[in-house]
Amino acid sequence: MKLLLAEDQPKLAAHLVEGLRAEGYAVAVAQDGDEALWMARQGTYDALLMDVMLPAKDGITVVRQLRCDGAQTPVLFLTGRDSVEDRVRGLDAGGDDYLPKPFHLEELLARLRAILRRNRLATSLLLRVVDLELDMISHVARRAGQEILLTPRELSLLELLMTHSPRQVSRATIVENGWDQHFDSGPNVVNVYINKLRRKLDLPGLRPLIHTLRGTGFALF
């Protein structure tokens, strides 16, 4: 698993990196908030270990901006500030846990394992393709963090495409999974719903996700 550690104290950062790597984690290090934000946006990490009091941009601001981007990576805040108000600020900003300094490495590892377990459970109920997400519990779709209002049939079609992504889904499969025997399931109707879904998913400035495979079906990637 790959972690991003944002910590501006070199000795503490080196100690944590040594301990985390000994447990089998790959660790990248950022020394200030701007670098942490850039690295989190450019890379893919299983969790972020974020010091709150970072130079340039504090950790809470970094996480708040990542959540606004739609990022769902679990975050463990590390900080010397331990008031109730500070903990509430960190959790409200999108943090998953809050560990006050000083702490033992064993506790950090245990809290990290806990948020990773929770994230694995959550992602098993969350479909994600590129910047598109579909929550299988609430039936809410989001693209780049923006909620998309879909009808039940559009949701069913989107779930089918995301489940198979990046593989193709034939027109026959769409009909079998999305229409009952009393519904007009001709090829033109499938095209109508694909086009409706495209118009809702392809927000301004974002690349198209649904691709037509001539003569065979559709794929989402």
Protein backbone atom coordinates (compact mmCIF):
# COMPACT_ATOMS: atom_id res chain seq x y z
CA MET A 1 0.00 0.00 0.00
CA LYS A 2 1.19 3.49 -0.85
CA LEU A 3 1.01 6.33 1.69
CA LEU A 4 1.58 10.07 1.47
CA LEU A 5 3.12 11.52 4.63
CA ALA A 6 2.94 15.31 4.98
CA GLU A 7 5.29 16.28 7.83
CA ASP A 8 7.64 19.26 8.03
CA GLN A 9 9.78 18.00 10.94
CA PRO A 10 12.63 16.06 9.25
CA LYS A 11 13.50 13.85 12.27
CA LEU A 12 9.88 12.84 12.90
CA ALA A 13 9.30 12.28 9.18
CA ALA A 14 12.38 10.04 8.94
CA HIS A 15 11.29 8.07 12.02
CA LEU A 16 7.78 7.53 10.64
CA VAL A 17 9.03 6.59 7.18
CA GLU A 18 11.37 3.99 8.69
CA GLY A 19 8.59 2.49 10.80
CA LEU A 20 6.01 2.48 8.03
CA ARG A 21 8.38 0.94 5.49
CA ALA A 22 9.30 -1.75 8.01
CA GLU A 23 5.60 -2.67 8.01
CA GLY A 24 5.59 -2.99 4.21
CA TYR A 25 4.14 0.40 3.23
CA ALA A 26 5.53 2.48 0.40
CA VAL A 27 5.83 6.07 1.64
CA ALA A 28 6.14 9.38 -0.21
CA VAL A 29 6.91 12.50 1.83
CA ALA A 30 5.77 16.11 1.43
CA GLN A 31 7.33 18.87 3.52
CA ASP A 32 4.71 21.58 3.20
CA GLY A 33 1.02 21.96 2.38
CA ASP A 34 1.47 23.07 -1.23
CA GLU A 35 3.68 20.07 -1.98
CA ALA A 36 1.25 17.73 -0.20
CA LEU A 37 -1.71 19.05 -2.23
CA TRP A 38 0.20 18.72 -5.51
CA MET A 39 1.41 15.19 -4.73
CA ALA A 40 -2.05 14.03 -3.61
CA ARG A 41 -3.58 15.36 -6.82
CA GLN A 42 -0.91 13.85 -9.08
CA GLY A 43 -0.51 10.43 -7.44
CA THR A 44 -2.64 7.57 -6.17
CA TYR A 45 -2.40 6.79 -2.46
CA ASP A 46 -4.19 4.37 -0.15
CA ALA A 47 -4.08 6.85 2.75
CA LEU A 48 -2.76 10.29 3.69
CA LEU A 49 -0.95 10.97 6.98
CA MET A 50 -1.36 14.72 7.30
CA ASP A 51 0.30 17.00 9.83
CA VAL A 52 -2.06 19.87 10.61
CA MET A 53 0.55 22.62 11.18
CA LEU A 54 2.30 22.58 7.81
CA PRO A 55 4.14 25.50 6.19
CA ALA A 56 2.62 27.23 3.13
CA LYS A 57 -0.80 25.61 3.54
CA ASP A 58 -2.08 23.90 6.69
CA GLY A 59 -3.16 20.26 6.57
CA ILE A 60 -6.83 20.98 7.18
CA THR A 61 -6.93 23.33 4.17
CA VAL A 62 -5.16 20.69 2.06
CA VAL A 63 -7.71 18.01 2.96
CA ARG A 64 -10.65 20.36 2.49
CA GLN A 65 -9.44 21.17 -1.04
CA LEU A 66 -8.92 17.49 -1.84
CA ARG A 67 -12.45 16.69 -0.68
CA CYS A 68 -13.77 19.51 -2.88
CA ASP A 69 -11.94 17.80 -5.78
CA GLY A 70 -13.92 14.66 -5.01
CA ALA A 71 -10.97 12.72 -3.52
CA GLN A 72 -12.07 9.99 -1.07
CA THR A 73 -8.61 8.85 0.10
CA PRO A 74 -8.67 8.21 3.88
CA VAL A 75 -6.87 10.82 5.97
CA LEU A 76 -5.26 10.49 9.40
CA PHE A 77 -4.40 13.90 10.89
CA LEU A 78 -1.24 14.16 13.02
CA THR A 79 -0.96 17.21 15.25
CA GLY A 80 0.28 18.67 18.49
CA ARG A 81 -3.02 20.50 18.91
CA ASP A 82 -5.49 18.35 20.81
CA SER A 83 -8.41 20.54 21.83
CA VAL A 84 -11.94 19.38 21.08
CA GLU A 85 -12.32 22.29 18.66
CA ASP A 86 -9.19 21.25 16.73
CA ARG A 87 -10.35 17.64 16.45
CA VAL A 88 -13.79 18.75 15.27
CA ARG A 89 -12.23 21.03 12.63
CA GLY A 90 -10.11 18.20 11.30
CA LEU A 91 -12.96 15.70 11.14
CA ASP A 92 -15.37 18.22 9.61
CA ALA A 93 -12.78 19.05 6.94
CA GLY A 94 -12.86 15.43 5.78
CA GLY A 95 -10.40 13.66 8.07
CA ASP A 96 -11.09 10.05 9.06
CA ASP A 97 -9.14 10.06 12.32
CA TYR A 98 -7.06 12.42 14.45
CA LEU A 99 -3.90 11.40 16.34
CA PRO A 100 -2.36 13.95 18.74
CA LYS A 101 1.41 14.24 19.17
CA PRO A 102 3.41 12.76 20.76
CA PHE A 103 2.27 9.27 19.87
CA HIS A 104 3.70 5.77 19.74
CA LEU A 105 4.35 4.28 16.32
CA GLU A 106 2.27 1.24 17.32
CA GLU A 107 -0.80 3.42 17.82
CA LEU A 108 -0.25 5.16 14.47
CA LEU A 109 -0.05 1.78 12.75
CA ALA A 110 -3.20 0.55 14.49
CA ARG A 111 -5.18 3.67 13.53
CA LEU A 112 -3.88 3.43 9.98
CA ARG A 113 -5.00 -0.20 9.72
CA ALA A 114 -8.43 0.80 11.05
CA ILE A 115 -9.06 3.55 8.48
CA LEU A 116 -7.79 1.30 5.69
CA ARG A 117 -10.23 -1.44 6.78
CA ARG A 118 -13.11 1.04 6.83
CA ASN A 119 -12.12 2.33 3.42
CA ARG A 120 -12.00 -1.19 1.93
CA LEU A 121 -15.52 -1.81 3.24
CA ALA A 122 -16.76 1.50 1.86
CA THR A 123 -15.16 1.01 -1.56
CA SER A 124 -16.77 -2.41 -1.88
CA LEU A 125 -20.07 -0.49 -1.89
CA LEU A 126 -18.77 2.27 -4.13
CA LEU A 127 -18.21 1.96 -7.88
CA ARG A 128 -15.54 4.29 -9.23
CA VAL A 129 -14.34 4.85 -12.81
CA VAL A 130 -11.94 7.76 -13.40
CA ASP A 131 -13.66 10.70 -11.61
CA LEU A 132 -17.14 9.12 -11.66
CA GLU A 133 -18.55 7.47 -8.52
CA LEU A 134 -21.75 5.56 -7.82
CA ASP A 135 -22.73 4.86 -4.21
CA MET A 136 -24.50 1.50 -4.20
CA ILE A 137 -26.22 2.21 -0.88
CA SER A 138 -27.60 5.72 -1.40
CA HIS A 139 -27.81 5.36 -5.22
CA VAL A 140 -26.13 8.72 -5.64
CA ALA A 141 -23.82 9.38 -8.60
CA ARG A 142 -21.08 12.03 -8.59
CA ARG A 143 -18.71 13.23 -11.27
CA ALA A 144 -15.66 15.19 -10.09
CA GLY A 145 -17.42 15.61 -6.76
CA GLN A 146 -20.62 17.04 -8.28
CA GLU A 147 -23.85 15.13 -7.67
CA ILE A 148 -25.71 13.98 -10.79
CA LEU A 149 -29.46 13.49 -10.67
CA LEU A 150 -30.45 10.26 -12.45
CA THR A 151 -33.71 8.40 -12.94
CA PRO A 152 -33.94 4.80 -11.67
CA ARG A 153 -33.46 3.42 -15.21
CA GLU A 154 -30.46 5.70 -15.79
CA LEU A 155 -28.97 4.53 -12.48
CA SER A 156 -29.45 0.91 -13.49
CA LEU A 157 -27.76 1.55 -16.83
CA LEU A 158 -24.88 3.40 -15.20
CA GLU A 159 -24.34 0.60 -12.67
CA LEU A 160 -24.21 -1.93 -15.50
CA LEU A 161 -21.65 0.10 -17.47
CA MET A 162 -19.48 0.82 -14.41
CA THR A 163 -19.54 -2.80 -13.24
CA HIS A 164 -18.24 -3.95 -16.62
CA SER A 165 -15.80 -1.06 -17.18
CA PRO A 166 -13.68 -0.95 -19.26
CA ARG A 167 -15.21 -3.95 -21.02
CA GLN A 168 -18.00 -3.50 -23.53
CA VAL A 169 -21.67 -4.07 -22.72
CA SER A 170 -23.81 -5.31 -25.60
CA ARG A 171 -27.23 -3.89 -26.41
CA ALA A 172 -28.74 -7.29 -25.59
CA THR A 173 -27.15 -7.23 -22.12
CA ILE A 174 -28.50 -3.73 -21.50
CA VAL A 175 -32.01 -4.86 -22.45
CA GLU A 176 -31.79 -7.98 -20.28
CA ASN A 177 -30.63 -6.03 -17.23
CA GLY A 178 -32.49 -2.76 -17.58
CA TRP A 179 -35.91 -3.44 -19.08
CA ASP A 180 -38.77 -5.72 -18.12
CA GLN A 181 -40.91 -7.62 -20.60
CA HIS A 182 -43.56 -4.90 -20.75
CA PHE A 183 -41.16 -2.10 -21.72
CA ASP A 184 -40.28 -1.14 -25.29
CA SER A 185 -36.70 -2.40 -25.51
CA GLY A 186 -35.88 -1.68 -29.14
CA PRO A 187 -32.38 -0.52 -30.15
CA ASN A 188 -33.55 3.09 -30.51
CA VAL A 189 -34.73 3.11 -26.89
CA VAL A 190 -31.32 1.91 -25.73
CA ASN A 191 -29.72 4.75 -27.72
CA VAL A 192 -32.12 7.24 -26.17
CA TYR A 193 -31.11 6.24 -22.63
CA ILE A 194 -27.41 6.11 -23.48
CA ASN A 195 -27.65 9.66 -24.86
CA LYS A 196 -29.56 10.86 -21.79
CA LEU A 197 -26.85 9.41 -19.56
CA ARG A 198 -24.10 10.97 -21.66
CA ARG A 199 -25.65 14.43 -21.39
CA LYS A 200 -25.74 14.16 -17.60
CA LEU A 201 -22.27 12.66 -17.14
CA ASP A 202 -20.32 14.79 -19.59
CA LEU A 203 -20.10 17.94 -17.50
CA PRO A 204 -18.45 21.02 -19.06
CA GLY A 205 -14.68 20.66 -19.23
CA LEU A 206 -14.69 16.91 -18.56
CA ARG A 207 -13.91 14.26 -21.14
CA PRO A 208 -16.62 11.87 -22.38
CA LEU A 209 -16.82 8.56 -20.50
CA ILE A 210 -19.33 6.49 -22.52
CA HIS A 211 -18.01 5.22 -25.83
CA THR A 212 -20.03 3.60 -28.62
CA LEU A 213 -18.48 0.44 -30.06
CA ARG A 214 -19.94 0.27 -33.53
CA GLY A 215 -22.15 -2.75 -34.04
CA THR A 216 -21.47 -4.26 -30.63
CA GLY A 217 -22.47 -2.01 -27.75
CA PHE A 218 -21.04 0.52 -25.31
CA ALA A 219 -18.20 0.87 -22.83
CA LEU A 220 -17.48 3.29 -20.01
CA PHE A 221 -13.86 4.25 -19.35
